[in-house]
């Protein structure tokens, strides 16, 4: 299962889309994109990957986006069940036309 598939599964119950919100889709929703992946080999013969993902939480109200952000952080930050480890590295707020938006950036560390 790919990292993206694991991410979408972990966020089950939420509306989750790659990159862009489909036209006509109502909020709240989470958009995701891979920013980078660094692959490393180690002496044990297994490969390790460190991926950086950006998740954009959208809702029509500030309270809604705050609630969505907390749920995403609860599922991803310091997660050691879905992969070796994931952690929040950045969070910032923005405003998009008709939407409140919070962007979360995570590192995901896993075996290849």
Protein backbone atom coordinates (compact mmCIF):
# COMPACT_ATOMS: atom_id res chain seq x y z
CA UNK A 1 0.00 0.00 0.00
CA UNK A 2 1.42 3.40 -0.96
CA UNK A 3 1.96 6.21 1.51
CA UNK A 4 -0.92 8.14 -0.06
CA UNK A 5 -3.25 5.14 0.29
CA UNK A 6 -2.26 4.74 3.94
CA UNK A 7 -2.86 8.45 4.51
CA UNK A 8 -6.35 8.36 2.95
CA UNK A 9 -7.20 5.23 4.97
CA UNK A 10 -6.00 6.89 8.17
CA UNK A 11 -8.28 9.87 7.45
CA UNK A 12 -11.31 7.67 6.70
CA UNK A 13 -14.61 9.30 7.55
CA UNK A 14 -13.35 12.64 6.23
CA UNK A 15 -13.64 13.97 2.70
CA UNK A 16 -10.07 13.63 1.42
CA UNK A 17 -8.89 14.62 -2.07
CA UNK A 18 -5.50 14.86 -3.82
CA UNK A 19 -4.38 18.43 -4.58
CA UNK A 20 -7.68 20.19 -5.42
CA UNK A 21 -11.22 20.25 -4.06
CA UNK A 22 -13.55 18.96 -6.76
CA UNK A 23 -15.87 21.61 -8.12
CA UNK A 24 -19.21 21.57 -6.31
CA UNK A 25 -17.84 19.57 -3.36
CA UNK A 26 -18.98 21.00 -0.02
CA UNK A 27 -16.73 21.50 2.98
CA UNK A 28 -15.29 20.38 5.31
CA UNK A 29 -12.58 18.52 3.46
CA UNK A 30 -8.87 17.76 3.47
CA UNK A 31 -6.60 18.14 0.45
CA UNK A 32 -3.21 16.40 0.39
CA UNK A 33 -0.07 16.52 -1.66
CA UNK A 34 3.38 14.99 -1.43
CA UNK A 35 6.03 17.71 -1.23
CA UNK A 36 9.09 15.45 -1.29
CA UNK A 37 10.44 11.99 -0.51
CA UNK A 38 13.99 11.14 0.48
CA UNK A 39 14.95 7.49 0.21
CA UNK A 40 17.77 6.00 2.24
CA UNK A 41 19.33 2.55 2.47
CA UNK A 42 20.79 1.28 5.69
CA UNK A 43 23.04 -1.61 6.68
CA UNK A 44 20.13 -3.88 7.55
CA UNK A 45 19.29 -4.14 3.86
CA UNK A 46 15.94 -2.35 4.07
CA UNK A 47 15.20 1.01 2.57
CA UNK A 48 13.82 3.90 4.56
CA UNK A 49 11.70 6.78 3.24
CA UNK A 50 11.13 10.22 4.72
CA UNK A 51 8.18 11.86 2.97
CA UNK A 52 6.90 15.37 3.50
CA UNK A 53 3.17 15.90 2.99
CA UNK A 54 1.07 19.04 3.01
CA UNK A 55 -2.54 18.70 4.15
CA UNK A 56 -4.93 21.60 3.60
CA UNK A 57 -7.99 21.64 5.85
CA UNK A 58 -10.94 23.62 4.44
CA UNK A 59 -14.26 24.62 5.98
CA UNK A 60 -16.77 27.42 5.59
CA UNK A 61 -16.41 28.47 9.25
CA UNK A 62 -13.39 29.13 11.44
CA UNK A 63 -14.75 26.85 14.17
CA UNK A 64 -15.23 24.08 11.60
CA UNK A 65 -11.68 24.28 10.30
CA UNK A 66 -10.29 24.34 13.87
CA UNK A 67 -12.22 21.15 14.65
CA UNK A 68 -11.06 19.48 11.42
CA UNK A 69 -7.42 20.44 12.09
CA UNK A 70 -7.55 18.94 15.58
CA UNK A 71 -8.97 15.67 14.22
CA UNK A 72 -6.28 15.44 11.52
CA UNK A 73 -3.53 16.20 14.06
CA UNK A 74 -4.94 13.59 16.48
CA UNK A 75 -4.71 10.93 13.77
CA UNK A 76 -1.33 11.85 12.24
CA UNK A 77 0.89 13.64 14.75
CA UNK A 78 3.20 11.15 16.49
CA UNK A 79 1.50 8.19 14.76
CA UNK A 80 3.56 5.01 15.08
CA UNK A 81 0.86 2.55 14.01
CA UNK A 82 0.38 3.24 10.30
CA UNK A 83 4.11 3.73 9.57
CA UNK A 84 7.30 3.99 11.62
CA UNK A 85 6.57 7.55 12.72
CA UNK A 86 4.89 10.76 11.58
CA UNK A 87 5.06 14.22 13.08
CA UNK A 88 3.75 17.71 12.51
CA UNK A 89 6.45 20.12 11.33
CA UNK A 90 4.47 23.23 10.39
CA UNK A 91 1.01 24.77 10.69
CA UNK A 92 -0.34 28.04 9.31
CA UNK A 93 -3.70 29.65 8.57
CA UNK A 94 -4.90 31.27 5.39
CA UNK A 95 -8.15 32.40 3.82
CA UNK A 96 -9.39 31.22 0.46
CA UNK A 97 -12.48 32.56 -1.25
CA UNK A 98 -15.45 31.36 0.83
CA UNK A 99 -13.25 29.05 2.94
CA UNK A 100 -11.17 29.15 6.07
CA UNK A 101 -7.99 27.20 5.52
CA UNK A 102 -5.28 25.73 7.73
CA UNK A 103 -2.26 24.07 6.16
CA UNK A 104 -0.49 21.30 8.05
CA UNK A 105 2.85 19.83 7.03
CA UNK A 106 3.92 16.40 8.22
CA UNK A 107 6.97 14.21 7.90
CA UNK A 108 6.17 10.51 7.47
CA UNK A 109 8.99 8.04 8.12
CA UNK A 110 8.52 4.47 6.90
CA UNK A 111 10.27 1.39 5.62
CA UNK A 112 10.42 0.98 1.88
